[in-house]
């Protein structure tokens, strides 16, 4: 059975066995996942995990060494698909000598579906003069101009590499609210990398966690978090209680006779211990700190290419 283009359009990003190798080694290896259209996806991982490599491959800036990466059902980098996405690199590459108006005019002339009203509104809400040269703007103002260009293209998919990294807390809050409002209004799929896990919890409903170039976790944020519990109790002769062996222990710490464990439940938890529901940040950190723990993909994140056949 072959999946139609219409069915594939449900998925903004699909990866099947994706790998990218450089001279120094593999940046990504055997990455398989999918991200539904219309979601705001947190792309999480330590430095060197492969986040920027993945975003660059999705934007067509590089080609995979193995496997495939599809954007709305077509291979990443296909010229016909370029109007459907916007990519904002971490360094927000603006022309320092250009004015804000020059950048907006460039966006209008290079993009057939350009939304001048949206771009101008995003700039105006930041009280930025369009006659100002971008090299003289603050970090928050430059980020706002870069997001104006990204949203002005009116993309279906927005790829953001650490978009808020260089901003102070007030500017981060302002830009985060802008990003969420624009994405919600237009149904834009957003894939955003960040190291600030607490910030992502309030912004994202989907997560993709990378470590050492491999997928550690992917899927619906609420669904993934709900699979886990933080368990605290007393060790048995210095070991975790035998009842926990029926579950997947992601990580565990002991202090004297007390233990605290992040557990992926395999059924009901029963025992003489305290059980708490974790925050998303706690679950993400547990997987990042425990590379030996088995990866976890929710049903929505599992790609189906191999069973259904390639389009």
Protein backbone atom coordinates (compact mmCIF):
# COMPACT_ATOMS: atom_id res chain seq x y z
CA UNK A 1 0.00 0.00 0.00
CA UNK A 2 1.35 3.43 -0.92
CA UNK A 3 0.60 6.44 1.26
CA UNK A 4 -0.90 9.31 -0.71
CA UNK A 5 0.42 12.86 -0.65
CA UNK A 6 -2.78 13.95 1.10
CA UNK A 7 -2.26 11.50 3.93
CA UNK A 8 1.38 12.47 4.27
CA UNK A 9 0.42 16.13 4.58
CA UNK A 10 -0.73 15.28 8.13
CA UNK A 11 2.97 15.09 8.98
CA UNK A 12 5.06 18.24 8.81
CA UNK A 13 8.34 16.35 9.31
CA UNK A 14 9.07 12.65 8.84
CA UNK A 15 12.44 11.01 9.33
CA UNK A 16 13.24 7.40 8.55
CA UNK A 17 16.71 6.03 9.34
CA UNK A 18 18.18 9.50 8.95
CA UNK A 19 21.94 9.84 9.33
CA UNK A 20 24.51 12.55 8.67
CA UNK A 21 28.24 11.89 8.81
CA UNK A 22 31.08 14.41 8.75
CA UNK A 23 34.80 13.78 8.83
CA UNK A 24 34.78 13.87 12.62
CA UNK A 25 32.04 11.24 12.78
CA UNK A 26 28.28 10.85 12.83
CA UNK A 27 26.28 13.94 13.82
CA UNK A 28 23.01 12.00 13.43
CA UNK A 29 22.47 8.26 13.18
CA UNK A 30 19.40 6.09 12.60
CA UNK A 31 16.94 8.85 13.51
CA UNK A 32 13.31 7.87 12.88
CA UNK A 33 10.39 10.01 14.03
CA UNK A 34 7.58 12.19 12.77
CA UNK A 35 6.02 15.51 13.80
CA UNK A 36 2.34 16.17 13.03
CA UNK A 37 1.37 19.36 11.23
CA UNK A 38 0.18 22.23 13.38
CA UNK A 39 2.25 21.37 16.47
CA UNK A 40 4.85 23.39 18.36
CA UNK A 41 7.73 20.97 18.85
CA UNK A 42 10.58 21.41 21.31
CA UNK A 43 13.87 20.11 19.91
CA UNK A 44 15.96 19.30 22.98
CA UNK A 45 19.46 17.99 23.55
CA UNK A 46 22.93 18.90 24.85
CA UNK A 47 25.52 20.66 22.72
CA UNK A 48 26.65 18.36 19.94
CA UNK A 49 23.47 16.26 20.06
CA UNK A 50 22.68 16.98 16.39
CA UNK A 51 19.94 19.61 16.76
CA UNK A 52 21.43 22.18 14.39
CA UNK A 53 22.35 19.42 11.94
CA UNK A 54 18.74 18.20 11.89
CA UNK A 55 17.36 21.71 11.35
CA UNK A 56 19.88 22.33 8.57
CA UNK A 57 18.88 19.09 6.84
CA UNK A 58 15.19 20.02 7.15
CA UNK A 59 15.95 23.41 5.60
CA UNK A 60 17.77 21.77 2.69
CA UNK A 61 21.13 23.32 3.62
CA UNK A 62 22.76 19.89 3.62
CA UNK A 63 22.00 16.37 2.42
CA UNK A 64 21.69 13.25 4.55
CA UNK A 65 24.34 10.57 4.41
CA UNK A 66 21.72 7.88 4.83
CA UNK A 67 17.98 7.55 5.31
CA UNK A 68 15.41 10.17 4.38
CA UNK A 69 13.84 13.33 5.74
CA UNK A 70 10.52 14.54 4.35
CA UNK A 71 8.83 17.90 4.76
CA UNK A 72 5.09 17.68 4.16
CA UNK A 73 5.62 14.45 2.27
CA UNK A 74 8.39 15.53 -0.10
CA UNK A 75 12.16 15.13 0.40
CA UNK A 76 13.77 17.97 2.31
CA UNK A 77 15.55 20.39 0.00
CA UNK A 78 13.12 19.88 -2.89
CA UNK A 79 12.87 23.29 -4.63
CA UNK A 80 9.08 23.05 -4.91
CA UNK A 81 8.84 22.72 -1.14
CA UNK A 82 10.93 25.76 -0.24
CA UNK A 83 7.98 28.23 0.00
CA UNK A 84 6.45 26.02 2.70
CA UNK A 85 9.11 26.57 5.38
CA UNK A 86 11.18 29.31 7.01
CA UNK A 87 14.49 28.71 8.77
CA UNK A 88 16.00 31.02 11.39
CA UNK A 89 19.58 30.20 12.32
CA UNK A 90 20.90 30.81 15.83
CA UNK A 91 23.02 33.79 14.75
CA UNK A 92 19.99 35.47 13.09
CA UNK A 93 21.87 36.46 9.91
CA UNK A 94 20.68 39.98 9.10
CA UNK A 95 22.57 42.51 6.99
CA UNK A 96 23.97 45.01 9.48
CA UNK A 97 24.05 47.89 7.00
CA UNK A 98 20.50 47.27 5.79
CA UNK A 99 17.65 49.13 7.39
CA UNK A 100 14.64 47.27 8.74
CA UNK A 101 12.68 48.51 5.71
CA UNK A 102 15.40 47.11 3.40
CA UNK A 103 14.98 43.67 4.99
CA UNK A 104 11.20 43.75 4.64
CA UNK A 105 11.49 44.81 1.02
CA UNK A 106 13.96 41.97 0.38
CA UNK A 107 11.51 39.51 1.96
CA UNK A 108 8.70 40.82 -0.22
CA UNK A 109 10.72 40.54 -3.44
CA UNK A 110 12.08 37.06 -2.71
CA UNK A 111 8.90 35.36 -1.47
CA UNK A 112 5.80 35.06 -3.69
CA UNK A 113 3.45 34.56 -0.74
CA UNK A 114 4.89 37.41 1.32
CA UNK A 115 2.61 38.90 3.99
CA UNK A 116 3.75 42.51 4.31
CA UNK A 117 1.07 43.45 6.83
CA UNK A 118 2.15 40.73 9.28
CA UNK A 119 5.84 41.56 8.94
CA UNK A 120 5.22 45.28 9.46
CA UNK A 121 2.96 44.63 12.45
CA UNK A 122 5.55 42.45 14.19
CA UNK A 123 8.16 45.16 13.73
CA UNK A 124 5.81 47.97 14.79
CA UNK A 125 4.75 46.16 17.98
CA UNK A 126 8.40 46.27 19.05
CA UNK A 127 8.52 50.05 18.51
CA UNK A 128 11.30 49.61 15.98
CA UNK A 129 11.85 52.35 13.43
CA UNK A 130 11.93 50.91 9.92
CA UNK A 131 14.65 53.43 9.03
CA UNK A 132 17.00 51.95 11.68
CA UNK A 133 19.96 49.87 10.52
CA UNK A 134 19.84 46.38 11.97
CA UNK A 135 23.48 46.57 13.10
CA UNK A 136 22.42 49.21 15.66
CA UNK A 137 19.49 47.28 17.10
CA UNK A 138 19.47 45.45 20.43
CA UNK A 139 19.44 41.65 20.57
CA UNK A 140 15.71 41.61 21.24
CA UNK A 141 15.01 44.00 18.38
CA UNK A 142 17.11 41.96 15.94
CA UNK A 143 15.25 38.82 16.99
CA UNK A 144 11.94 40.57 16.37
CA UNK A 145 13.04 41.65 12.88
CA UNK A 146 14.27 38.10 12.13
CA UNK A 147 10.93 36.65 13.27
CA UNK A 148 9.10 39.26 11.17
CA UNK A 149 10.99 37.97 8.12
CA UNK A 150 10.30 34.35 9.06
CA UNK A 151 6.56 34.89 9.59
CA UNK A 152 6.26 37.31 6.67
CA UNK A 153 7.06 34.42 4.36
CA UNK A 154 3.86 32.88 5.73
CA UNK A 155 5.40 29.40 6.11
CA UNK A 156 3.61 26.22 7.02
CA UNK A 157 6.72 25.09 8.93
CA UNK A 158 8.98 27.32 11.00
CA UNK A 159 12.43 25.94 11.89
CA UNK A 160 14.07 27.87 14.74
CA UNK A 161 17.58 27.23 16.06
CA UNK A 162 17.88 28.67 19.59
CA UNK A 163 15.79 31.72 18.64
CA UNK A 164 15.71 33.23 22.14
CA UNK A 165 19.23 32.34 23.29
CA UNK A 166 20.72 35.85 23.34
CA UNK A 167 17.80 37.66 24.98
CA UNK A 168 17.27 38.94 28.51
CA UNK A 169 14.34 37.47 30.52
CA UNK A 170 11.91 40.28 29.60
CA UNK A 171 12.73 40.05 25.89
CA UNK A 172 12.52 36.23 26.03
CA UNK A 173 9.03 36.44 27.47
CA UNK A 174 7.97 39.01 24.87
CA UNK A 175 9.40 37.06 21.92
CA UNK A 176 8.00 33.77 23.22
CA UNK A 177 4.51 35.29 23.42
CA UNK A 178 4.89 36.69 19.90
CA UNK A 179 5.99 33.32 18.54
CA UNK A 180 3.10 31.45 20.14
CA UNK A 181 0.49 34.01 19.06
CA UNK A 182 1.62 33.98 15.43
CA UNK A 183 1.85 30.19 15.30
CA UNK A 184 -1.62 29.78 16.84
CA UNK A 185 -3.25 32.34 14.55
CA UNK A 186 -1.98 30.77 11.35
CA UNK A 187 -1.67 27.09 12.38
CA UNK A 188 2.07 27.13 11.70
CA UNK A 189 4.08 24.06 12.65
CA UNK A 190 7.08 25.14 14.74
CA UNK A 191 10.21 23.12 15.47
CA UNK A 192 12.30 25.05 17.98
CA UNK A 193 15.56 24.06 19.62
CA UNK A 194 16.40 25.41 23.06
CA UNK A 195 18.44 24.65 26.16
CA UNK A 196 15.91 26.34 28.47
CA UNK A 197 13.70 23.38 29.34
CA UNK A 198 11.40 25.24 31.72
CA UNK A 199 10.68 27.76 28.98
CA UNK A 200 9.69 25.05 26.52
CA UNK A 201 7.18 23.45 28.88
CA UNK A 202 4.78 26.37 28.54
CA UNK A 203 5.26 26.78 24.80
CA UNK A 204 5.43 23.33 23.24
CA UNK A 205 2.95 20.45 22.94
CA UNK A 206 5.34 18.04 21.20
CA UNK A 207 8.92 17.06 22.02
CA UNK A 208 11.88 15.58 20.16
CA UNK A 209 14.89 14.76 22.31
CA UNK A 210 18.29 14.03 20.77
CA UNK A 211 21.48 12.83 22.47
CA UNK A 212 24.66 11.61 20.81
CA UNK A 213 22.99 12.00 17.43
CA UNK A 214 20.12 9.62 18.20
CA UNK A 215 16.48 10.02 19.13
CA UNK A 216 15.93 9.54 22.87
CA UNK A 217 12.29 10.60 23.07
CA UNK A 218 9.63 11.88 20.68
CA UNK A 219 5.93 12.48 20.75
CA UNK A 220 3.05 14.24 22.46
CA UNK A 221 4.43 16.08 25.49
CA UNK A 222 1.48 15.39 27.80
CA UNK A 223 1.30 11.74 26.79
CA UNK A 224 5.02 11.14 27.36
CA UNK A 225 5.09 12.88 30.73
CA UNK A 226 2.01 10.96 31.90
CA UNK A 227 3.85 7.66 31.39
CA UNK A 228 6.31 8.53 34.16
CA UNK A 229 6.35 8.87 37.93
CA UNK A 230 8.93 10.10 40.43
CA UNK A 231 9.11 7.45 43.16
CA UNK A 232 10.70 8.02 46.58
CA UNK A 233 11.15 5.33 49.21
CA UNK A 234 13.56 3.20 51.22
CA UNK A 235 16.13 0.95 49.59
CA UNK A 236 16.26 -2.77 50.27
CA UNK A 237 19.80 -3.58 51.41
CA UNK A 238 21.05 -0.65 49.36
CA UNK A 239 19.17 -1.74 46.25
CA UNK A 240 15.97 -0.51 44.64
CA UNK A 241 12.88 -2.48 45.74
CA UNK A 242 12.24 -5.57 43.63
CA UNK A 243 8.74 -4.30 42.75
CA UNK A 244 10.33 -1.56 40.65
CA UNK A 245 11.96 -4.17 38.41
CA UNK A 246 8.59 -4.61 36.68
CA UNK A 247 8.93 -1.05 35.39
CA UNK A 248 11.58 0.86 33.42
CA UNK A 249 13.78 2.87 35.76
CA UNK A 250 15.18 5.78 33.76
CA UNK A 251 17.44 7.04 36.53
CA UNK A 252 17.76 6.56 40.28
CA UNK A 253 19.61 8.35 43.06
CA UNK A 254 20.21 7.27 46.63
CA UNK A 255 20.99 9.26 49.78
CA UNK A 256 21.59 6.99 52.73
CA UNK A 257 18.69 4.55 52.75
CA UNK A 258 16.42 6.81 50.67
CA UNK A 259 16.07 6.51 46.92
CA UNK A 260 14.43 8.71 44.30
CA UNK A 261 13.77 7.24 40.86
CA UNK A 262 12.26 8.41 37.60
CA UNK A 263 10.14 5.45 36.48
CA UNK A 264 8.38 4.72 33.21
CA UNK A 265 5.40 2.75 34.41
CA UNK A 266 4.58 -0.65 32.93
CA UNK A 267 1.20 -0.96 34.63
CA UNK A 268 0.19 0.02 38.16
CA UNK A 269 2.81 1.12 40.69
CA UNK A 270 2.32 -0.59 44.02
CA UNK A 271 4.63 -0.38 46.98
CA UNK A 272 5.46 1.43 50.19
CA UNK A 273 6.77 4.62 48.64
CA UNK A 274 5.78 8.13 47.69
CA UNK A 275 4.76 8.76 44.10
CA UNK A 276 4.73 12.19 42.41
CA UNK A 277 3.85 13.26 38.89
CA UNK A 278 6.89 14.85 37.22
CA UNK A 279 7.09 18.04 35.22
CA UNK A 280 8.18 17.81 31.58
CA UNK A 281 11.55 19.33 32.47
CA UNK A 282 12.22 16.53 34.97
CA UNK A 283 11.41 13.82 32.43
CA UNK A 284 13.56 15.40 29.72
CA UNK A 285 16.53 15.81 32.05
CA UNK A 286 16.23 12.20 33.20
CA UNK A 287 16.51 10.90 29.63
CA UNK A 288 19.37 13.25 28.81
CA UNK A 289 21.29 12.12 31.88
CA UNK A 290 20.62 8.42 31.23
CA UNK A 291 21.76 7.39 27.74
CA UNK A 292 21.50 3.73 28.75
CA UNK A 293 17.72 3.99 29.21
CA UNK A 294 15.64 2.74 26.26
CA UNK A 295 14.33 5.42 23.92
CA UNK A 296 10.65 6.29 24.03
CA UNK A 297 8.40 7.30 21.13
CA UNK A 298 4.68 7.86 21.54
CA UNK A 299 2.45 6.31 18.83
CA UNK A 300 2.10 9.64 17.02
CA UNK A 301 5.89 9.89 16.60
CA UNK A 302 6.50 6.42 15.14
CA UNK A 303 7.08 6.65 11.36
CA UNK A 304 5.12 4.26 9.16
CA UNK A 305 7.02 4.52 5.84
CA UNK A 306 8.55 1.07 6.01
CA UNK A 307 5.26 -0.70 6.55
CA UNK A 308 3.24 1.42 4.14
CA UNK A 309 5.80 1.83 1.38
CA UNK A 310 7.43 4.98 0.09
CA UNK A 311 5.43 7.63 -1.73
